[in-house]
Amino acid sequence: MKKLNIALAGNANVGKSVIFNYFTRLSQHIGNWPGKTVEKAEGTLIYGNYEIKIIDLPGIYSLQAQSPEETVAREYLREGKPDAIINVVDASVLERNLFLTFQLLKTSVPLIVLLNMADIAKRKGITINRKKLERELGVPVVEGVAIHGKGLENAIQKAIAIKEKGRKTGKPAKLRSAKEIYRKAESVSRKVEVKTSGRMPLDERIDSIALHRIYGYFLLLLVLAAVFYSIFTFGDWLSALFYGFFDWMKIAAEGAFGSEAASGILWNGIVMGIAAGFAVAIPYILPFYIVFSILEDSGYVARMAFLMDGFMHSIGLHGKAFLPLFLGYGCNVPACIGCRIIETERERFQASFLATMVPCAARSIIILGLVGAYLGWHWAAAIYLFNIAVVWILGKATTKFLPGEPTSLIMEMPSYKMPQPKGILKRSFERVKAYITVAFPIIIAMTFLISLMDALGFVKPIEELFSPITVGWLGLPAAVGITLLFGVLRKELALIMLGSIFGTTNFGAFLSPLQMLVFTLVMVFYIPCSATIATLVREFGWKKAAAVTIFEIIFALLLGGIALRLLGLFF
């Protein structure tokens, strides 16, 4: 079987990852914000008698290495020596994309230009003369719509034809400066584009509201409120279903086995772990991932970053840093990794530190499953708002200690896209499946361990060791000491272990409203999970990771004690 190496190159948000997934059938996450793919991804396609290795390079705007993404792409094209490059171009903004195309022509690697998003270009009243563009560039040009798989195989066929008939590198024009390349891109786009006059494109009409200096913020608040309400409403309904099912199971188990010690250990240690995972965690994680995917795929997240640029500048960052912080609401691990899109080391570390303070999906389980379920959605919303205020204050504080000035915001606004329900549901269920695969074994193992330790009398000494903090300072049950010790593995474990210790998921039976608020505040700001700590070590070294960890332990405990005394005035 013949071998062929193809590199996918292009600007961010032109659909490279969609094309990569189409050819390789790999479940790589497809995002809508610049710099999402930081490192190249590889996959294999069997096409006829060819085994084709496809490399998805980072989304870049130039081969002049200034960012990690540009360095990765340039070094691969220089050292990896692919047989062909498929340059994926957004047909709706051809001129901007051609800057990279002319640089790719200089690499002497055979090039195929794939005009993606042809449907969006037509929606904007733009038609491209493909034949004329081929003559101008001297390389094959094909049209396609990646999300529907249209025209993609034509690009592969062109690459195979180039391989079999010999190298064809196009017309590497004698363009030395960036200014000359921009002029050439402008000239070529004018020659090949036909724009029909008419109404303002739909994207621009939406952005006239979404990016408005007043209406844009009202829309942002409306979207965030709708997100919170939909997650809470659906999660509360699904949680009630699971609770009812497992309550019935408990009654049946008690009737069948009685209250023997062994049955108690098995029930509290294994069944209660599974029950708590389904009744407390899954109901809120599933709708969260669905809503999160809708926002990502629609293109609105980039608008959120633009609107938040002023807020982010007030804490020494820029709007692009909002993207990993927003990602942190799903999981702090990819949020910290996503900070690689930020240009300077100072801003990357500051954004990563703040990202660890954002309530991830596991922390949201505690907020929604405890405070939201027992005290009402308004108290849960208040905790999220308080968290934002704390992140802002800490951002201001860290700006004073970390030298350097924030960089300016330059980012691309992707076209609005209609989220594909099939893709959203598939990705959401994959994430939930991954959560169950990773989290449930830990949850079950830890709840069984706690139940066994309780039966053997080992829990009391741990509770007594932590009681000066848990009981004396935080005003919480002594059993919370166990959650402080083991909750670092996964945040939702803290709540689930409490249910295991007390033998019930009716948290109102052993926590007062004030204790629920204090416990939740501590868990929201407490030490990141073990996976996040490991990520910080990998990204910034153990010293900075240890500093973040120690600070958040002290901060969370101090905040919990202060909250107890202040909120106690109203409860």
Protein backbone atom coordinates (compact mmCIF):
# COMPACT_ATOMS: atom_id res chain seq x y z
CA MET A 1 0.00 0.00 0.00
CA LYS A 2 1.35 3.42 -0.98
CA LYS A 3 2.05 6.07 1.67
CA LEU A 4 1.01 9.71 1.57
CA ASN A 5 1.44 12.44 4.19
CA ILE A 6 -0.92 15.42 4.07
CA ALA A 7 -0.85 18.46 6.34
CA LEU A 8 -4.00 20.50 6.99
CA ALA A 9 -3.00 24.15 7.34
CA GLY A 10 -5.04 27.31 7.67
CA ASN A 11 -6.24 30.10 9.89
CA ALA A 12 -8.14 29.37 13.08
CA ASN A 13 -11.85 28.62 12.72
CA VAL A 14 -11.72 27.64 9.05
CA GLY A 15 -12.93 24.08 9.70
CA LYS A 16 -9.66 22.11 9.73
CA SER A 17 -10.68 20.04 12.73
CA VAL A 18 -14.02 19.21 11.09
CA ILE A 19 -12.19 18.02 7.98
CA PHE A 20 -9.70 16.09 10.11
CA ASN A 21 -12.52 14.30 11.92
CA TYR A 22 -14.30 13.57 8.65
CA PHE A 23 -11.26 11.85 7.18
CA THR A 24 -9.89 10.10 10.26
CA ARG A 25 -13.10 9.49 12.23
CA LEU A 26 -11.31 10.50 15.44
CA SER A 27 -13.29 12.14 18.22
CA GLN A 28 -11.24 15.31 18.43
CA HIS A 29 -13.03 18.23 20.03
CA ILE A 30 -14.09 20.91 17.55
CA GLY A 31 -14.06 24.39 19.00
CA ASN A 32 -14.94 27.79 17.59
CA TRP A 33 -12.32 30.02 19.11
CA PRO A 34 -8.86 30.91 17.83
CA GLY A 35 -5.93 28.76 18.93
CA LYS A 36 -8.03 25.80 20.02
CA THR A 37 -5.64 23.22 18.51
CA VAL A 38 -2.32 24.01 20.12
CA GLU A 39 -0.44 20.88 19.06
CA LYS A 40 -0.77 18.94 15.85
CA ALA A 41 -3.10 15.94 15.76
CA GLU A 42 -2.53 12.95 13.50
CA GLY A 43 -4.85 10.39 11.98
CA THR A 44 -4.91 7.82 9.19
CA LEU A 45 -7.18 7.51 6.17
CA ILE A 46 -7.28 4.47 3.87
CA TYR A 47 -8.25 5.75 0.42
CA GLY A 48 -7.99 3.31 -2.49
CA ASN A 49 -4.51 1.83 -2.42
CA TYR A 50 -3.16 4.71 -0.31
CA GLU A 51 -2.56 4.86 3.42
CA ILE A 52 -2.77 8.59 4.07
CA LYS A 53 -1.45 10.15 7.26
CA ILE A 54 -3.25 13.43 7.93
CA ILE A 55 -1.75 16.02 10.25
CA ASP A 56 -4.00 18.75 11.64
CA LEU A 57 -1.71 21.71 12.27
CA PRO A 58 -2.64 24.53 14.68
CA GLY A 59 -4.74 27.38 13.39
CA ILE A 60 -2.27 30.12 12.39
CA TYR A 61 -2.22 33.38 10.45
CA SER A 62 1.44 33.44 9.47
CA LEU A 63 4.55 31.25 9.24
CA GLN A 64 6.65 33.97 10.85
CA ALA A 65 6.97 32.30 14.25
CA GLN A 66 5.71 34.59 16.99
CA SER A 67 3.43 32.23 18.90
CA PRO A 68 3.76 28.56 19.92
CA GLU A 69 1.15 27.63 17.29
CA GLU A 70 3.11 29.28 14.46
CA THR A 71 6.32 27.64 15.67
CA VAL A 72 4.72 24.16 15.67
CA ALA A 73 3.34 24.63 12.15
CA ARG A 74 6.49 26.14 10.66
CA GLU A 75 8.79 23.50 12.14
CA TYR A 76 6.59 20.66 10.91
CA LEU A 77 6.39 22.02 7.38
CA ARG A 78 10.15 22.48 7.37
CA GLU A 79 11.19 19.24 9.08
CA GLY A 80 8.20 16.90 8.67
CA LYS A 81 8.26 17.28 4.88
CA PRO A 82 4.64 16.36 4.04
CA ASP A 83 3.85 15.20 0.52
CA ALA A 84 1.16 17.85 0.19
CA ILE A 85 -0.55 20.65 2.08
CA ILE A 86 -4.29 21.13 2.00
CA ASN A 87 -4.67 24.83 2.75
CA VAL A 88 -8.16 25.19 4.25
CA VAL A 89 -9.50 28.66 3.49
CA ASP A 90 -12.63 30.40 4.73
CA ALA A 91 -14.27 31.39 1.46
CA SER A 92 -16.24 34.17 3.16
CA VAL A 93 -13.04 36.07 4.10
CA LEU A 94 -10.73 35.10 1.26
CA GLU A 95 -8.39 38.10 1.36
CA ARG A 96 -7.42 37.56 5.00
CA ASN A 97 -6.79 33.84 4.42
CA LEU A 98 -4.64 34.38 1.31
CA PHE A 99 -1.86 35.94 3.40
CA LEU A 100 -1.01 32.48 4.75
CA THR A 101 -1.60 30.87 1.35
CA PHE A 102 1.16 32.94 -0.27
CA GLN A 103 3.52 32.02 2.56
CA LEU A 104 2.69 28.33 2.10
CA LEU A 105 3.50 28.63 -1.61
CA LYS A 106 7.05 29.59 -0.62
CA THR A 107 7.58 26.29 1.25
CA SER A 108 7.87 24.40 -2.07
CA VAL A 109 5.50 21.72 -0.71
CA PRO A 110 2.70 20.84 -3.18
CA LEU A 111 -0.40 22.83 -2.25
CA ILE A 112 -4.14 22.30 -2.67
CA VAL A 113 -6.46 25.14 -1.68
CA LEU A 114 -9.79 24.03 -0.20
CA LEU A 115 -12.38 26.81 -0.19
CA ASN A 116 -14.39 25.79 2.86
CA MET A 117 -17.60 27.41 4.09
CA ALA A 118 -18.71 28.10 0.53
CA ASP A 119 -22.29 28.11 1.83
CA ILE A 120 -21.50 30.90 4.30
CA ALA A 121 -19.78 32.89 1.54
CA LYS A 122 -22.90 32.63 -0.64
CA ARG A 123 -25.03 33.65 2.34
CA LYS A 124 -22.91 36.80 2.53
CA GLY A 125 -23.37 37.43 -1.19
CA ILE A 126 -19.83 36.32 -2.14
CA THR A 127 -19.05 34.08 -5.11
CA ILE A 128 -15.48 33.02 -5.93
CA ASN A 129 -14.33 32.24 -9.46
CA ARG A 130 -12.51 29.00 -8.68
CA LYS A 131 -10.85 28.64 -12.10
CA LYS A 132 -9.50 32.18 -12.00
CA LEU A 133 -8.13 31.61 -8.48
CA GLU A 134 -6.37 28.45 -9.74
CA ARG A 135 -4.69 30.49 -12.48
CA GLU A 136 -3.63 33.21 -10.04
CA LEU A 137 -2.12 30.75 -7.55
CA GLY A 138 -1.02 28.01 -9.92
CA VAL A 139 -2.39 25.28 -7.65
CA PRO A 140 -5.57 23.16 -7.59
CA VAL A 141 -8.54 24.84 -5.89
CA VAL A 142 -11.63 22.93 -4.73
CA GLU A 143 -14.80 24.13 -3.03
CA GLY A 144 -16.35 22.42 -0.03
CA VAL A 145 -18.66 22.58 2.96
CA ALA A 146 -16.88 20.66 5.71
CA ILE A 147 -19.78 20.21 8.13
CA HIS A 148 -21.72 18.42 5.37
CA GLY A 149 -18.70 16.57 3.94
CA LYS A 150 -19.11 18.23 0.52
CA GLY A 151 -16.05 18.55 -1.71
CA LEU A 152 -13.61 17.09 0.81
CA GLU A 153 -12.74 13.95 -1.15
CA ASN A 154 -11.90 16.15 -4.15
CA ALA A 155 -9.04 17.63 -2.13
CA ILE A 156 -7.70 14.14 -1.32
CA GLN A 157 -7.96 13.14 -4.98
CA LYS A 158 -6.01 16.25 -6.01
CA ALA A 159 -3.29 15.41 -3.46
CA ILE A 160 -3.03 11.85 -4.81
CA ALA A 161 -2.87 13.16 -8.39
CA ILE A 162 -0.02 15.49 -7.44
CA LYS A 163 1.81 12.60 -5.78
CA GLU A 164 1.43 10.37 -8.83
CA LYS A 165 2.11 12.98 -11.53
CA GLY A 166 4.90 14.86 -9.80
CA ARG A 167 5.33 17.88 -7.57
CA LYS A 168 3.36 20.99 -8.34
CA THR A 169 4.20 23.89 -6.09
CA GLY A 170 2.28 26.74 -7.67
CA LYS A 171 3.52 30.28 -8.23
CA PRO A 172 5.69 31.41 -5.32
CA ALA A 173 5.50 35.12 -6.13
CA LYS A 174 8.54 37.24 -5.29
CA LEU A 175 7.00 38.77 -2.21
CA ARG A 176 9.51 39.69 0.45
CA SER A 177 7.68 41.83 2.98
CA ALA A 178 4.39 41.33 4.77
CA LYS A 179 3.16 44.53 3.13
CA GLU A 180 3.75 43.07 -0.34
CA ILE A 181 1.95 39.85 0.61
CA TYR A 182 -1.07 41.81 1.91
CA ARG A 183 -1.20 43.81 -1.33
CA LYS A 184 -1.02 40.65 -3.41
CA ALA A 185 -3.76 38.98 -1.33
CA GLU A 186 -5.96 42.05 -1.79
CA SER A 187 -5.29 42.12 -5.53
CA VAL A 188 -6.06 38.43 -6.07
CA SER A 189 -9.21 38.48 -3.95
CA ARG A 190 -10.55 41.44 -5.95
CA LYS A 191 -9.94 39.58 -9.20
CA VAL A 192 -11.67 36.34 -8.18
CA GLU A 193 -14.49 37.54 -5.90
CA VAL A 194 -17.91 38.62 -7.11
CA LYS A 195 -19.95 40.36 -4.43
CA THR A 196 -23.67 40.89 -4.90
CA SER A 197 -25.12 43.96 -3.27
CA GLY A 198 -28.16 43.62 -1.08
CA ARG A 199 -29.06 43.40 2.57
CA MET A 200 -26.46 43.44 5.28
CA PRO A 201 -25.20 39.86 5.88
CA LEU A 202 -26.98 38.03 8.69
CA ASP A 203 -23.78 37.76 10.77
CA GLU A 204 -23.32 41.52 10.68
CA ARG A 205 -26.95 42.13 11.58
CA ILE A 206 -26.64 39.81 14.60
CA ASP A 207 -23.32 41.39 15.61
CA SER A 208 -24.85 44.86 15.47
CA ILE A 209 -26.75 43.73 18.58
CA ALA A 210 -24.42 41.07 20.04
CA LEU A 211 -21.39 43.39 20.02
CA HIS A 212 -23.24 46.62 20.78
CA ARG A 213 -21.70 48.60 23.65
CA ILE A 214 -25.05 48.53 25.52
CA TYR A 215 -27.34 45.92 23.98
CA GLY A 216 -24.49 43.41 23.75
CA TYR A 217 -24.15 43.25 27.53
CA PHE A 218 -27.90 42.87 28.01
CA LEU A 219 -27.82 39.96 25.55
CA LEU A 220 -24.84 38.46 27.38
CA LEU A 221 -26.67 38.60 30.72
CA LEU A 222 -29.77 37.12 29.09
CA VAL A 223 -27.74 34.24 27.62
CA LEU A 224 -26.00 33.51 30.93
CA ALA A 225 -29.32 33.62 32.79
CA ALA A 226 -30.86 31.23 30.26
CA VAL A 227 -27.86 28.91 30.59
CA PHE A 228 -28.10 28.83 34.37
CA TYR A 229 -31.88 28.42 34.42
CA SER A 230 -31.92 25.60 31.84
CA ILE A 231 -29.15 23.65 33.61
CA PHE A 232 -30.77 24.06 37.02
CA THR A 233 -34.32 23.25 35.85
CA PHE A 234 -33.39 20.16 33.83
CA GLY A 235 -30.87 18.99 36.44
CA ASP A 236 -33.35 19.36 39.29
CA TRP A 237 -35.97 17.36 37.39
CA LEU A 238 -33.52 14.58 36.45
CA SER A 239 -32.08 14.48 39.97
CA ALA A 240 -35.56 13.96 41.44
CA LEU A 241 -36.09 10.98 39.12
CA PHE A 242 -32.83 9.36 40.20
CA TYR A 243 -33.50 10.06 43.88
CA GLY A 244 -36.91 8.40 43.62
CA PHE A 245 -35.45 5.34 41.94
CA PHE A 246 -32.65 4.85 44.48
CA ASP A 247 -34.96 5.51 47.45
CA TRP A 248 -37.11 2.65 46.16
CA MET A 249 -33.98 0.51 45.82
CA LYS A 250 -32.97 1.27 49.42
CA ILE A 251 -36.37 0.22 50.77
CA ALA A 252 -36.19 -2.98 48.73
CA ALA A 253 -32.63 -3.69 49.96
CA GLU A 254 -33.56 -3.13 53.60
CA GLY A 255 -36.47 -5.51 53.22
CA ALA A 256 -34.25 -8.15 51.64
CA PHE A 257 -31.05 -7.86 53.71
CA GLY A 258 -31.96 -6.12 56.96
CA SER A 259 -29.44 -3.90 58.70
CA GLU A 260 -26.50 -6.25 59.14
CA ALA A 261 -23.05 -4.67 59.20
CA ALA A 262 -21.93 -6.32 55.97
CA SER A 263 -25.01 -5.14 54.14
CA GLY A 264 -24.48 -1.67 55.57
CA ILE A 265 -20.92 -1.56 54.25
CA LEU A 266 -21.95 -2.85 50.84
CA TRP A 267 -24.92 -0.50 50.61
CA ASN A 268 -23.22 2.66 51.89
CA GLY A 269 -19.93 1.87 50.22
CA ILE A 270 -20.94 0.72 46.75
CA VAL A 271 -24.63 1.26 46.04
CA MET A 272 -24.66 4.69 47.70
CA GLY A 273 -21.61 5.67 45.66
CA ILE A 274 -23.38 4.75 42.44
CA ALA A 275 -26.62 6.36 43.63
CA ALA A 276 -24.92 9.61 44.58
CA GLY A 277 -23.04 9.70 41.29
CA PHE A 278 -26.25 9.40 39.30
CA ALA A 279 -28.53 11.45 41.54
CA VAL A 280 -26.09 14.25 42.41
CA ALA A 281 -23.58 14.45 39.55
CA ILE A 282 -25.05 13.27 36.23
CA PRO A 283 -28.26 15.40 36.33
CA TYR A 284 -26.23 18.62 36.27
CA ILE A 285 -23.23 17.54 34.20
CA LEU A 286 -25.30 16.36 31.21
CA PRO A 287 -27.27 19.61 30.63
CA PHE A 288 -24.12 21.63 31.37
CA TYR A 289 -22.19 19.93 28.58
CA ILE A 290 -25.11 20.26 26.16
CA VAL A 291 -25.48 24.00 26.77
CA PHE A 292 -21.71 24.49 26.74
CA SER A 293 -21.44 22.76 23.34
CA ILE A 294 -24.26 24.88 21.90
CA LEU A 295 -22.44 28.08 22.89
CA GLU A 296 -19.15 26.80 21.47
CA ASP A 297 -20.58 25.65 18.16
CA SER A 298 -22.75 28.72 17.59
CA GLY A 299 -19.77 31.10 17.52
CA TYR A 300 -21.07 33.20 20.41
CA VAL A 301 -18.20 32.39 22.80
CA ALA A 302 -15.83 34.61 20.78
CA ARG A 303 -18.35 37.46 21.12
CA MET A 304 -18.41 36.90 24.87
CA ALA A 305 -14.61 37.26 24.90
CA PHE A 306 -14.86 40.53 22.95
CA LEU A 307 -17.44 41.95 25.34
CA MET A 308 -15.38 40.87 28.35
CA ASP A 309 -12.16 42.48 27.08
CA GLY A 310 -12.63 45.58 29.25
CA PHE A 311 -13.34 43.47 32.33
CA MET A 312 -10.30 41.29 31.65
CA HIS A 313 -8.05 44.31 31.12
CA SER A 314 -9.05 45.54 34.57
CA ILE A 315 -7.31 42.47 36.03
CA GLY A 316 -4.24 42.64 33.82
CA LEU A 317 -5.39 40.28 31.06
CA HIS A 318 -7.17 40.69 27.72
CA GLY A 319 -10.37 39.31 26.26
CA LYS A 320 -8.74 36.18 24.84
CA ALA A 321 -8.01 35.07 28.43
CA PHE A 322 -11.77 34.92 28.98
CA LEU A 323 -11.92 31.86 26.72
CA PRO A 324 -9.95 29.47 28.98
CA LEU A 325 -11.68 30.96 32.04
CA PHE A 326 -15.03 30.19 30.46
CA LEU A 327 -13.75 26.73 29.56
CA GLY A 328 -12.99 26.30 33.27
CA TYR A 329 -16.71 26.04 33.97
CA GLY A 330 -16.49 22.68 32.22
CA CYS A 331 -13.17 21.51 33.63
CA ASN A 332 -10.15 23.32 35.06
CA VAL A 333 -7.69 20.96 33.33
CA PRO A 334 -8.40 22.00 29.70
CA ALA A 335 -8.82 25.57 30.98
CA CYS A 336 -5.21 25.60 32.20
CA ILE A 337 -4.01 23.95 28.99
CA GLY A 338 -6.08 26.42 26.97
CA CYS A 339 -4.11 29.29 28.51
CA ARG A 340 -1.37 28.43 26.00
CA ILE A 341 -3.20 30.67 23.51
CA ILE A 342 -2.17 33.65 25.66
CA GLU A 343 1.00 35.33 24.44
CA THR A 344 3.08 36.05 27.56
CA GLU A 345 4.24 33.79 30.41
CA ARG A 346 2.94 36.23 33.03
CA GLU A 347 -0.56 36.29 31.57
CA ARG A 348 -0.60 32.52 31.02
CA PHE A 349 0.21 31.85 34.68
CA GLN A 350 -2.20 34.50 35.95
CA ALA A 351 -5.02 33.17 33.76
CA SER A 352 -4.29 29.58 34.82
CA PHE A 353 -4.34 30.55 38.48
CA LEU A 354 -7.68 32.32 38.07
CA ALA A 355 -9.02 29.38 36.01
CA THR A 356 -8.47 27.07 39.00
CA MET A 357 -10.80 29.33 41.01
CA VAL A 358 -13.63 28.97 38.49
CA PRO A 359 -16.27 26.42 39.60
CA CYS A 360 -15.82 23.49 37.22
CA ALA A 361 -18.58 20.97 36.49
CA ALA A 362 -17.61 18.98 39.62
CA ARG A 363 -17.87 22.08 41.82
CA SER A 364 -21.10 23.02 40.07
CA ILE A 365 -22.48 19.66 41.21
CA ILE A 366 -22.02 20.85 44.80
CA ILE A 367 -23.45 24.31 44.07
CA LEU A 368 -26.51 23.05 42.21
CA GLY A 369 -26.97 19.70 43.95
CA LEU A 370 -26.72 21.15 47.45
CA VAL A 371 -27.40 24.90 47.56
CA GLY A 372 -29.59 25.01 44.45
CA ALA A 373 -31.61 21.93 45.37
CA TYR A 374 -32.15 22.81 49.06
CA LEU A 375 -31.97 26.61 49.26
CA GLY A 376 -33.17 27.65 45.80
CA TRP A 377 -31.67 28.80 42.52
CA HIS A 378 -31.18 32.39 43.75
CA TRP A 379 -28.66 31.24 46.39
CA ALA A 380 -26.84 29.14 43.79
CA ALA A 381 -26.73 32.15 41.44
CA ALA A 382 -25.41 34.28 44.30
CA ILE A 383 -22.48 31.88 44.79
CA TYR A 384 -21.59 32.07 41.09
CA LEU A 385 -21.73 35.88 41.20
CA PHE A 386 -19.66 35.94 44.39
CA ASN A 387 -17.12 33.67 42.72
CA ILE A 388 -16.83 36.10 39.79
CA ALA A 389 -16.26 38.96 42.25
CA VAL A 390 -13.54 37.00 44.07
CA VAL A 391 -11.83 36.07 40.79
CA TRP A 392 -11.83 39.76 39.82
CA ILE A 393 -10.35 40.82 43.18
CA LEU A 394 -7.67 38.13 43.02
CA GLY A 395 -6.94 39.11 39.43
CA LYS A 396 -6.38 42.72 40.50
CA ALA A 397 -4.16 41.53 43.35
CA THR A 398 -2.02 39.21 41.22
CA THR A 399 -1.51 41.98 38.67
CA LYS A 400 0.31 43.95 41.39
CA PHE A 401 2.65 41.04 42.17
CA LEU A 402 3.30 39.78 38.63
CA PRO A 403 5.36 42.25 36.54
CA GLY A 404 4.38 43.15 32.99
CA GLU A 405 1.63 44.88 31.04
CA PRO A 406 -1.41 43.22 29.43
CA THR A 407 -1.18 42.75 25.68
CA SER A 408 -3.77 44.02 23.23
CA LEU A 409 -6.62 41.85 21.99
CA ILE A 410 -6.47 40.66 18.39
CA MET A 411 -8.86 37.82 17.65
CA GLU A 412 -11.08 36.59 14.88
CA MET A 413 -14.85 36.60 15.08
CA PRO A 414 -15.95 33.26 13.60
CA SER A 415 -19.08 33.15 11.51
CA TYR A 416 -22.26 32.20 13.32
CA LYS A 417 -23.19 28.59 12.74
CA MET A 418 -26.32 26.65 13.49
CA PRO A 419 -25.34 24.07 16.15
CA GLN A 420 -25.81 20.53 14.87
CA PRO A 421 -27.99 18.61 17.40
CA LYS A 422 -26.45 15.26 16.46
CA GLY A 423 -22.91 16.50 17.01
CA ILE A 424 -23.80 18.28 20.25
CA LEU A 425 -25.58 15.27 21.74
CA LYS A 426 -22.81 12.92 20.63
CA ARG A 427 -20.09 15.11 22.14
CA SER A 428 -22.09 15.69 25.33
CA PHE A 429 -22.76 11.99 25.87
CA GLU A 430 -19.10 11.22 25.12
CA ARG A 431 -18.10 13.67 27.85
CA VAL A 432 -20.60 12.17 30.28
CA LYS A 433 -19.37 8.69 29.36
CA ALA A 434 -15.79 9.81 29.98
CA TYR A 435 -16.88 11.28 33.31
CA ILE A 436 -18.56 8.03 34.35
CA THR A 437 -15.53 6.00 33.22
CA VAL A 438 -13.04 8.17 35.11
CA ALA A 439 -15.03 9.43 38.09
CA PHE A 440 -17.31 6.55 39.06
CA PRO A 441 -14.54 4.05 39.88
CA ILE A 442 -12.94 6.68 42.14
CA ILE A 443 -16.30 7.59 43.70
CA ILE A 444 -17.24 3.96 44.37
CA ALA A 445 -13.76 3.09 45.67
CA MET A 446 -13.68 6.09 48.00
CA THR A 447 -17.23 5.66 49.33
CA PHE A 448 -16.51 1.98 49.98
CA LEU A 449 -13.24 2.90 51.70
CA ILE A 450 -15.00 5.48 53.89
CA SER A 451 -17.75 3.01 54.75
CA LEU A 452 -15.17 0.34 55.63
CA MET A 453 -13.09 2.81 57.68
CA ASP A 454 -16.23 3.86 59.54
CA ALA A 455 -17.10 0.24 60.34
CA LEU A 456 -13.54 -0.38 61.58
CA GLY A 457 -13.48 2.79 63.68
CA PHE A 458 -10.87 4.72 61.65
CA VAL A 459 -13.11 7.64 60.68
CA LYS A 460 -13.40 9.12 64.18
CA PRO A 461 -9.64 9.79 64.61
CA ILE A 462 -9.55 11.66 61.28
CA GLU A 463 -12.63 13.67 62.23
CA GLU A 464 -11.06 14.58 65.58
CA LEU A 465 -7.81 15.61 63.85
CA PHE A 466 -9.63 18.07 61.59
CA SER A 467 -12.33 19.10 64.09
CA PRO A 468 -10.57 22.34 65.19
CA ILE A 469 -10.95 23.49 61.58
CA THR A 470 -14.20 21.83 60.52
CA VAL A 471 -16.18 22.25 63.76
CA GLY A 472 -14.35 25.03 65.56
CA TRP A 473 -13.65 27.40 62.66
CA LEU A 474 -16.13 26.39 59.94
CA GLY A 475 -19.05 25.29 62.13
CA LEU A 476 -19.55 22.13 60.06
CA PRO A 477 -20.05 18.49 61.07
CA ALA A 478 -16.84 16.73 62.05
CA ALA A 479 -17.31 14.35 59.10
CA VAL A 480 -16.34 17.18 56.74
CA GLY A 481 -12.73 16.49 57.73
CA ILE A 482 -12.86 13.36 55.57
CA THR A 483 -14.00 15.41 52.58
CA LEU A 484 -11.16 17.90 53.04
CA LEU A 485 -8.67 15.04 53.02
CA PHE A 486 -10.00 12.94 50.14
CA GLY A 487 -11.95 15.56 48.17
CA VAL A 488 -8.78 16.62 46.37
CA LEU A 489 -9.15 13.57 44.10
CA ARG A 490 -12.38 14.92 42.62
CA LYS A 491 -14.43 17.80 43.94
CA GLU A 492 -17.83 16.10 43.74
CA LEU A 493 -16.42 13.38 46.00
CA ALA A 494 -16.74 15.80 48.90
CA LEU A 495 -20.53 15.84 48.69
CA ILE A 496 -20.85 12.17 47.80
CA MET A 497 -18.63 11.08 50.70
CA LEU A 498 -20.81 13.05 53.10
CA GLY A 499 -23.80 11.11 51.83
CA SER A 500 -21.87 7.87 52.33
CA ILE A 501 -20.82 8.74 55.89
CA PHE A 502 -24.34 9.70 56.96
CA GLY A 503 -25.97 6.90 54.96
CA THR A 504 -28.33 9.18 53.03
CA THR A 505 -28.33 11.61 50.13
CA ASN A 506 -30.89 13.76 51.94
CA PHE A 507 -28.32 16.39 52.87
CA GLY A 508 -30.93 18.49 54.64
CA ALA A 509 -31.06 15.79 57.33
CA PHE A 510 -27.58 16.64 58.65
CA LEU A 511 -26.72 20.09 57.24
CA SER A 512 -28.45 23.36 58.13
CA PRO A 513 -28.93 26.02 55.42
CA LEU A 514 -26.02 28.02 56.86
CA GLN A 515 -23.78 24.94 56.87
CA MET A 516 -24.72 24.20 53.25
CA LEU A 517 -23.58 27.68 52.20
CA VAL A 518 -20.33 27.51 54.18
CA PHE A 519 -19.50 24.01 52.95
CA THR A 520 -20.17 25.00 49.34
CA LEU A 521 -18.04 28.16 49.56
CA VAL A 522 -15.13 26.17 50.98
CA MET A 523 -15.38 23.52 48.27
CA VAL A 524 -15.68 26.09 45.47
CA PHE A 525 -12.39 27.78 46.40
CA TYR A 526 -10.59 24.82 47.99
CA ILE A 527 -7.52 23.12 46.49
CA PRO A 528 -7.97 22.08 42.82
CA CYS A 529 -8.46 18.42 42.01
CA SER A 530 -5.39 16.21 41.56
CA ALA A 531 -5.63 16.35 37.75
CA THR A 532 -5.55 20.17 37.81
CA ILE A 533 -2.55 20.19 40.14
CA ALA A 534 -0.73 17.79 37.80
CA THR A 535 -1.53 20.08 34.86
CA LEU A 536 -0.16 23.12 36.70
CA VAL A 537 3.05 21.21 37.45
CA ARG A 538 3.42 20.29 33.78
CA GLU A 539 2.70 23.82 32.55
CA PHE A 540 4.56 25.94 35.13
CA GLY A 541 6.67 23.67 37.34
CA TRP A 542 6.12 22.31 40.85
CA LYS A 543 6.98 25.55 42.69
CA LYS A 544 4.20 27.59 41.10
CA ALA A 545 1.79 24.65 41.32
CA ALA A 546 2.56 24.28 45.04
CA ALA A 547 2.11 28.02 45.58
CA VAL A 548 -1.35 27.93 43.96
CA THR A 549 -2.35 24.84 45.95
CA ILE A 550 -1.23 26.20 49.34
CA PHE A 551 -2.83 29.59 48.68
CA GLU A 552 -6.20 28.07 47.75
CA ILE A 553 -6.28 25.81 50.82
CA ILE A 554 -5.66 28.75 53.15
CA PHE A 555 -7.96 31.09 51.23
CA ALA A 556 -10.90 28.64 51.16
CA LEU A 557 -10.67 27.87 54.88
CA LEU A 558 -10.36 31.55 55.84
CA LEU A 559 -13.29 32.45 53.58
CA GLY A 560 -15.44 29.67 55.05
CA GLY A 561 -14.88 30.85 58.62
CA ILE A 562 -15.58 34.47 57.73
CA ALA A 563 -18.72 33.46 55.80
CA LEU A 564 -19.97 31.49 58.82
CA ARG A 565 -19.74 34.54 61.06
CA LEU A 566 -21.19 37.01 58.57
CA LEU A 567 -23.99 34.84 57.17
CA GLY A 568 -24.76 33.66 60.69
CA LEU A 569 -26.17 37.13 61.34
CA PHE A 570 -28.97 36.40 58.87
CA PHE A 571 -29.68 32.71 59.60
